[in-house]
């Protein structure tokens, strides 16, 4: 059981780095990976133009398992985390000087033997 859990964790970490490279080649600037604060965690913080993007990476065995992987609860945690960060953006080097950036929430699905599937603007702050 422990071995299975370790493999899943390693696959998740690999998926985050694969996603960062994938987004970089799509023209995104990667600001921070695995950003944590008291409100939650953001897998990848990126920037494209004047938009700050919080990217949630979901790694699963098959694409159909990814569809419901970002629950409303998880969305709220990510939103709270980005809101907390934006209260003092100077904490992150790539955010300095960005007074009121546009914020977007993306999801990237990663499954073995396929290119990552990027869903820009996957949800909005409610």
N, C-alpha and C. Protein backbone atom coordinates (compact mmCIF):
# COMPACT_ATOMS: atom_id res chain seq x y z
N UNK A 1 0.83 -1.20 0.00
CA UNK A 1 0.00 0.00 0.00
C UNK A 1 0.87 1.26 0.00
N UNK A 2 1.89 1.28 0.85
CA UNK A 2 2.75 2.44 0.93
C UNK A 2 3.43 2.70 -0.41
N UNK A 3 3.86 1.64 -1.07
CA UNK A 3 4.52 1.77 -2.36
C UNK A 3 3.59 2.39 -3.40
N UNK A 4 2.32 2.01 -3.38
CA UNK A 4 1.34 2.57 -4.31
C UNK A 4 1.14 4.06 -4.05
N UNK A 5 1.08 4.43 -2.78
CA UNK A 5 0.91 5.84 -2.40
C UNK A 5 2.14 6.65 -2.81
N UNK A 6 3.32 6.09 -2.62
CA UNK A 6 4.55 6.77 -3.02
C UNK A 6 4.60 6.98 -4.52
N UNK A 7 4.19 5.98 -5.29
CA UNK A 7 4.16 6.11 -6.75
C UNK A 7 3.21 7.21 -7.18
N UNK A 8 2.05 7.27 -6.54
CA UNK A 8 1.06 8.29 -6.87
C UNK A 8 1.61 9.68 -6.55
N UNK A 9 2.29 9.80 -5.42
CA UNK A 9 2.88 11.09 -5.03
C UNK A 9 3.96 11.50 -6.04
N UNK A 10 4.83 10.56 -6.41
CA UNK A 10 5.88 10.87 -7.39
C UNK A 10 5.28 11.26 -8.74
N UNK A 11 4.21 10.57 -9.14
CA UNK A 11 3.54 10.90 -10.40
C UNK A 11 2.96 12.32 -10.33
N UNK A 12 2.41 12.68 -9.18
CA UNK A 12 1.86 14.02 -9.00
C UNK A 12 2.92 15.09 -9.09
N UNK A 13 4.07 14.87 -8.47
CA UNK A 13 5.19 15.82 -8.54
C UNK A 13 5.69 15.93 -9.98
N UNK A 14 5.85 14.78 -10.63
CA UNK A 14 6.26 14.76 -12.03
C UNK A 14 5.28 15.56 -12.89
N UNK A 15 3.98 15.38 -12.64
CA UNK A 15 2.94 16.07 -13.41
C UNK A 15 3.05 17.59 -13.24
N UNK A 16 3.38 18.04 -12.04
CA UNK A 16 3.54 19.48 -11.81
C UNK A 16 4.72 20.04 -12.60
N UNK A 17 5.85 19.33 -12.61
CA UNK A 17 7.01 19.80 -13.37
C UNK A 17 6.77 19.71 -14.87
N UNK A 18 6.10 18.66 -15.31
CA UNK A 18 5.74 18.55 -16.73
C UNK A 18 4.83 19.71 -17.13
N UNK A 19 3.86 20.03 -16.28
CA UNK A 19 2.94 21.13 -16.55
C UNK A 19 3.68 22.46 -16.61
N UNK A 20 4.62 22.67 -15.69
CA UNK A 20 5.40 23.91 -15.70
C UNK A 20 6.16 24.06 -17.01
N UNK A 21 6.77 23.00 -17.48
CA UNK A 21 7.50 23.04 -18.76
C UNK A 21 6.53 23.28 -19.91
N UNK A 22 5.41 22.59 -19.88
CA UNK A 22 4.37 22.74 -20.91
C UNK A 22 3.89 24.19 -20.99
N UNK A 23 3.60 24.79 -19.84
CA UNK A 23 3.14 26.18 -19.81
C UNK A 23 4.25 27.14 -20.25
N UNK A 24 5.47 26.87 -19.84
CA UNK A 24 6.60 27.70 -20.24
C UNK A 24 6.69 27.76 -21.77
N UNK A 25 6.56 26.62 -22.42
CA UNK A 25 6.64 26.58 -23.88
C UNK A 25 5.42 27.20 -24.55
N UNK A 26 4.36 27.39 -23.78
CA UNK A 26 3.19 28.10 -24.31
C UNK A 26 3.28 29.61 -24.05
N UNK A 27 4.38 30.07 -23.48
CA UNK A 27 4.60 31.49 -23.28
C UNK A 27 4.28 32.01 -21.88
N UNK A 28 4.07 31.12 -20.93
CA UNK A 28 3.79 31.53 -19.56
C UNK A 28 5.11 31.69 -18.80
N UNK A 29 5.14 32.66 -17.89
CA UNK A 29 6.28 32.81 -16.98
C UNK A 29 5.90 32.09 -15.69
N UNK A 30 6.68 31.12 -15.28
CA UNK A 30 6.42 30.39 -14.04
C UNK A 30 7.00 31.23 -12.90
N UNK A 31 6.13 31.64 -11.99
CA UNK A 31 6.54 32.47 -10.86
C UNK A 31 6.96 31.61 -9.68
N UNK A 32 6.13 30.62 -9.37
CA UNK A 32 6.39 29.79 -8.18
C UNK A 32 5.66 28.46 -8.35
N UNK A 33 6.31 27.41 -7.90
CA UNK A 33 5.68 26.09 -7.89
C UNK A 33 5.42 25.68 -6.44
N UNK A 34 4.32 25.01 -6.24
CA UNK A 34 3.94 24.49 -4.92
C UNK A 34 3.91 25.59 -3.87
N UNK A 35 3.26 26.70 -4.21
CA UNK A 35 3.14 27.84 -3.31
C UNK A 35 2.15 27.52 -2.19
N UNK A 36 2.58 27.74 -0.96
CA UNK A 36 1.72 27.49 0.20
C UNK A 36 1.64 28.74 1.06
N UNK A 37 0.46 28.93 1.64
CA UNK A 37 0.27 29.98 2.63
C UNK A 37 -0.76 29.47 3.63
N UNK A 38 -1.11 30.25 4.65
CA UNK A 38 -2.06 29.75 5.66
C UNK A 38 -3.44 29.37 5.10
N UNK A 39 -3.78 29.85 3.92
CA UNK A 39 -5.10 29.57 3.36
C UNK A 39 -5.15 28.36 2.44
N UNK A 40 -3.99 27.89 1.97
CA UNK A 40 -4.00 26.74 1.08
C UNK A 40 -2.75 26.65 0.23
N UNK A 41 -2.86 25.90 -0.85
CA UNK A 41 -1.73 25.66 -1.74
C UNK A 41 -2.15 25.89 -3.18
N UNK A 42 -1.22 26.44 -3.96
CA UNK A 42 -1.42 26.60 -5.39
C UNK A 42 -0.30 25.81 -6.06
N UNK A 43 -0.66 24.88 -6.93
CA UNK A 43 0.35 24.03 -7.56
C UNK A 43 1.36 24.86 -8.35
N UNK A 44 0.86 25.74 -9.21
CA UNK A 44 1.75 26.58 -10.02
C UNK A 44 1.17 27.99 -10.09
N UNK A 45 2.01 28.97 -9.78
CA UNK A 45 1.66 30.38 -10.00
C UNK A 45 2.39 30.81 -11.26
N UNK A 46 1.65 31.33 -12.21
CA UNK A 46 2.26 31.74 -13.47
C UNK A 46 1.75 33.12 -13.87
N UNK A 47 2.40 33.68 -14.86
CA UNK A 47 2.00 34.98 -15.39
C UNK A 47 2.04 34.89 -16.91
N UNK A 48 1.05 35.52 -17.51
CA UNK A 48 1.07 35.69 -18.97
C UNK A 48 0.51 37.08 -19.22
N UNK A 49 1.35 37.96 -19.73
CA UNK A 49 0.93 39.35 -19.91
C UNK A 49 0.67 39.98 -18.55
N UNK A 50 -0.50 40.60 -18.40
CA UNK A 50 -0.85 41.23 -17.12
C UNK A 50 -1.76 40.35 -16.27
N UNK A 51 -1.77 39.07 -16.57
CA UNK A 51 -2.63 38.13 -15.84
C UNK A 51 -1.81 37.19 -14.98
N UNK A 52 -2.22 37.05 -13.72
CA UNK A 52 -1.64 36.07 -12.81
C UNK A 52 -2.54 34.84 -12.87
N UNK A 53 -1.94 33.68 -13.06
CA UNK A 53 -2.71 32.45 -13.21
C UNK A 53 -2.36 31.49 -12.08
N UNK A 54 -3.40 31.03 -11.38
CA UNK A 54 -3.25 29.97 -10.38
C UNK A 54 -3.62 28.67 -11.11
N UNK A 55 -2.66 27.76 -11.21
CA UNK A 55 -2.86 26.53 -11.96
C UNK A 55 -2.96 25.35 -11.00
N UNK A 56 -4.03 24.61 -11.13
CA UNK A 56 -4.21 23.37 -10.38
C UNK A 56 -3.90 22.21 -11.32
N UNK A 57 -2.99 21.34 -10.91
CA UNK A 57 -2.59 20.20 -11.73
C UNK A 57 -3.25 18.95 -11.17
N UNK A 58 -3.89 18.18 -12.05
CA UNK A 58 -4.49 16.93 -11.65
C UNK A 58 -3.91 15.81 -12.48
N UNK A 59 -3.28 14.86 -11.82
CA UNK A 59 -2.68 13.71 -12.48
C UNK A 59 -3.50 12.47 -12.16
N UNK A 60 -3.96 11.80 -13.19
CA UNK A 60 -4.79 10.61 -13.02
C UNK A 60 -4.37 9.55 -14.04
N UNK A 61 -4.90 8.35 -13.87
CA UNK A 61 -4.59 7.26 -14.79
C UNK A 61 -5.23 7.45 -16.16
N UNK A 62 -6.43 8.04 -16.17
CA UNK A 62 -7.10 8.26 -17.45
C UNK A 62 -7.80 9.62 -17.44
N UNK A 63 -8.00 10.15 -18.62
CA UNK A 63 -8.55 11.50 -18.77
C UNK A 63 -9.93 11.65 -18.14
N UNK A 64 -10.75 10.63 -18.23
CA UNK A 64 -12.12 10.73 -17.68
C UNK A 64 -12.10 10.90 -16.16
N UNK A 65 -11.05 10.43 -15.50
CA UNK A 65 -10.95 10.58 -14.04
C UNK A 65 -10.61 12.01 -13.63
N UNK A 66 -10.12 12.80 -14.56
CA UNK A 66 -9.72 14.18 -14.25
C UNK A 66 -10.90 15.14 -14.18
N UNK A 67 -11.97 14.83 -14.88
CA UNK A 67 -13.07 15.77 -15.08
C UNK A 67 -13.62 16.36 -13.77
N UNK A 68 -13.80 15.54 -12.76
CA UNK A 68 -14.39 16.02 -11.51
C UNK A 68 -13.35 16.15 -10.39
N UNK A 69 -12.09 16.24 -10.76
CA UNK A 69 -11.03 16.20 -9.76
C UNK A 69 -10.87 17.49 -8.96
N UNK A 70 -11.35 18.62 -9.48
CA UNK A 70 -11.23 19.88 -8.75
C UNK A 70 -12.60 20.23 -8.19
N UNK A 71 -12.83 19.83 -6.96
CA UNK A 71 -14.12 20.03 -6.31
C UNK A 71 -14.36 21.51 -5.99
N UNK A 72 -15.60 21.89 -5.75
CA UNK A 72 -15.88 23.27 -5.33
C UNK A 72 -15.11 23.66 -4.06
N UNK A 73 -14.92 22.71 -3.14
CA UNK A 73 -14.15 22.98 -1.93
C UNK A 73 -12.70 23.32 -2.29
N UNK A 74 -12.11 22.55 -3.19
CA UNK A 74 -10.73 22.80 -3.62
C UNK A 74 -10.64 24.15 -4.33
N UNK A 75 -11.63 24.48 -5.14
CA UNK A 75 -11.65 25.78 -5.82
C UNK A 75 -11.66 26.92 -4.81
N UNK A 76 -12.49 26.80 -3.77
CA UNK A 76 -12.54 27.84 -2.73
C UNK A 76 -11.19 27.98 -2.03
N UNK A 77 -10.53 26.86 -1.74
CA UNK A 77 -9.22 26.91 -1.06
C UNK A 77 -8.19 27.63 -1.93
N UNK A 78 -8.20 27.36 -3.22
CA UNK A 78 -7.26 28.02 -4.13
C UNK A 78 -7.59 29.51 -4.21
N UNK A 79 -8.87 29.84 -4.30
CA UNK A 79 -9.29 31.25 -4.33
C UNK A 79 -8.87 31.97 -3.06
N UNK A 80 -9.05 31.35 -1.91
CA UNK A 80 -8.65 31.97 -0.65
C UNK A 80 -7.13 32.16 -0.59
N UNK A 81 -6.42 31.20 -1.13
CA UNK A 81 -4.97 31.29 -1.14
C UNK A 81 -4.48 32.43 -2.02
N UNK A 82 -5.06 32.60 -3.19
CA UNK A 82 -4.64 33.70 -4.08
C UNK A 82 -5.07 35.04 -3.51
N UNK A 83 -6.23 35.10 -2.86
CA UNK A 83 -6.68 36.34 -2.23
C UNK A 83 -5.72 36.74 -1.13
N UNK A 84 -5.32 35.79 -0.31
CA UNK A 84 -4.36 36.05 0.77
C UNK A 84 -3.05 36.55 0.19
N UNK A 85 -2.58 35.92 -0.89
CA UNK A 85 -1.33 36.33 -1.53
C UNK A 85 -1.43 37.75 -2.08
N UNK A 86 -2.55 38.09 -2.69
CA UNK A 86 -2.70 39.40 -3.32
C UNK A 86 -2.77 40.55 -2.30
N UNK A 87 -3.02 40.21 -1.04
CA UNK A 87 -3.01 41.24 0.00
C UNK A 87 -1.61 41.80 0.21
N UNK A 88 -0.59 41.00 -0.06
CA UNK A 88 0.80 41.47 0.02
C UNK A 88 1.62 40.76 -1.04
N UNK A 89 1.46 41.15 -2.30
CA UNK A 89 2.12 40.45 -3.41
C UNK A 89 3.64 40.55 -3.40
N UNK A 90 4.21 41.45 -2.61
CA UNK A 90 5.67 41.57 -2.59
C UNK A 90 6.34 40.34 -1.99
N UNK A 91 5.55 39.43 -1.41
CA UNK A 91 6.12 38.20 -0.85
C UNK A 91 6.69 37.30 -1.93
N UNK A 92 6.24 37.46 -3.16
CA UNK A 92 6.69 36.63 -4.26
C UNK A 92 7.36 37.53 -5.29
N UNK A 93 8.59 37.22 -5.66
CA UNK A 93 9.37 38.06 -6.56
C UNK A 93 8.63 38.38 -7.85
N UNK A 94 8.02 37.41 -8.49
CA UNK A 94 7.36 37.63 -9.77
C UNK A 94 6.11 38.48 -9.69
N UNK A 95 5.65 38.79 -8.48
CA UNK A 95 4.43 39.58 -8.33
C UNK A 95 4.73 41.03 -7.94
N UNK A 96 5.96 41.34 -7.62
CA UNK A 96 6.31 42.71 -7.20
C UNK A 96 5.95 43.70 -8.29
N UNK A 97 5.39 44.82 -7.88
CA UNK A 97 5.04 45.88 -8.82
C UNK A 97 3.74 45.64 -9.55
N UNK A 98 3.06 44.57 -9.25
CA UNK A 98 1.79 44.26 -9.90
C UNK A 98 0.67 44.69 -8.97
N UNK A 99 0.18 45.90 -9.14
CA UNK A 99 -0.79 46.46 -8.19
C UNK A 99 -2.12 45.73 -8.20
N UNK A 100 -2.79 45.70 -9.32
CA UNK A 100 -4.09 45.03 -9.40
C UNK A 100 -4.12 44.14 -10.64
N UNK A 101 -3.49 42.99 -10.56
CA UNK A 101 -3.43 42.13 -11.73
C UNK A 101 -4.77 41.44 -12.00
N UNK A 102 -4.94 41.01 -13.23
CA UNK A 102 -6.05 40.12 -13.55
C UNK A 102 -5.67 38.76 -13.00
N UNK A 103 -6.64 38.05 -12.47
CA UNK A 103 -6.39 36.73 -11.90
C UNK A 103 -7.25 35.71 -12.63
N UNK A 104 -6.63 34.59 -12.96
CA UNK A 104 -7.35 33.53 -13.66
C UNK A 104 -7.01 32.20 -13.00
N UNK A 105 -7.96 31.29 -13.06
CA UNK A 105 -7.78 29.95 -12.48
C UNK A 105 -7.82 28.93 -13.61
N UNK A 106 -6.71 28.23 -13.80
CA UNK A 106 -6.60 27.21 -14.84
C UNK A 106 -6.45 25.84 -14.20
N UNK A 107 -6.78 24.83 -14.97
CA UNK A 107 -6.56 23.45 -14.56
C UNK A 107 -5.80 22.76 -15.68
N UNK A 108 -4.86 21.91 -15.31
CA UNK A 108 -4.16 21.09 -16.28
C UNK A 108 -4.29 19.64 -15.86
N UNK A 109 -4.78 18.83 -16.78
CA UNK A 109 -4.93 17.39 -16.55
C UNK A 109 -3.73 16.67 -17.16
N UNK A 110 -3.15 15.78 -16.38
CA UNK A 110 -2.01 15.00 -16.85
C UNK A 110 -2.34 13.53 -16.70
N UNK A 111 -2.22 12.81 -17.81
CA UNK A 111 -2.39 11.36 -17.82
C UNK A 111 -1.19 10.76 -18.54
N UNK A 112 -0.83 9.53 -18.21
CA UNK A 112 0.34 8.92 -18.85
C UNK A 112 0.20 8.84 -20.38
N UNK A 113 1.31 9.06 -21.04
CA UNK A 113 1.45 8.88 -22.49
C UNK A 113 0.62 9.85 -23.33
N UNK A 114 0.23 10.99 -22.76
CA UNK A 114 -0.49 12.01 -23.50
C UNK A 114 0.06 13.37 -23.14
N UNK A 115 -0.12 14.32 -24.03
CA UNK A 115 0.24 15.70 -23.69
C UNK A 115 -0.73 16.21 -22.63
N UNK A 116 -0.27 17.09 -21.77
CA UNK A 116 -1.19 17.66 -20.77
C UNK A 116 -2.36 18.38 -21.44
N UNK A 117 -3.53 18.34 -20.81
CA UNK A 117 -4.71 19.04 -21.32
C UNK A 117 -4.91 20.28 -20.45
N UNK A 118 -4.78 21.44 -21.08
CA UNK A 118 -4.86 22.72 -20.37
C UNK A 118 -6.26 23.30 -20.53
N UNK A 119 -6.90 23.60 -19.40
CA UNK A 119 -8.22 24.24 -19.40
C UNK A 119 -8.06 25.64 -18.82
N UNK A 120 -7.86 26.66 -19.70
CA UNK A 120 -7.74 28.03 -19.21
C UNK A 120 -9.06 28.53 -18.65
N UNK A 121 -8.98 29.37 -17.63
CA UNK A 121 -10.18 29.99 -17.05
C UNK A 121 -11.21 28.92 -16.66
N UNK A 122 -10.75 27.92 -15.94
CA UNK A 122 -11.58 26.77 -15.59
C UNK A 122 -12.76 27.14 -14.67
N UNK A 123 -12.57 28.15 -13.85
CA UNK A 123 -13.67 28.65 -13.01
C UNK A 123 -13.41 30.10 -12.67
N UNK A 124 -14.45 30.74 -12.16
CA UNK A 124 -14.37 32.15 -11.77
C UNK A 124 -14.64 32.28 -10.28
N UNK A 125 -14.17 33.35 -9.70
CA UNK A 125 -14.45 33.61 -8.29
C UNK A 125 -15.94 33.90 -8.16
N UNK A 126 -16.56 33.21 -7.23
CA UNK A 126 -18.01 33.38 -7.07
C UNK A 126 -18.33 34.36 -5.96
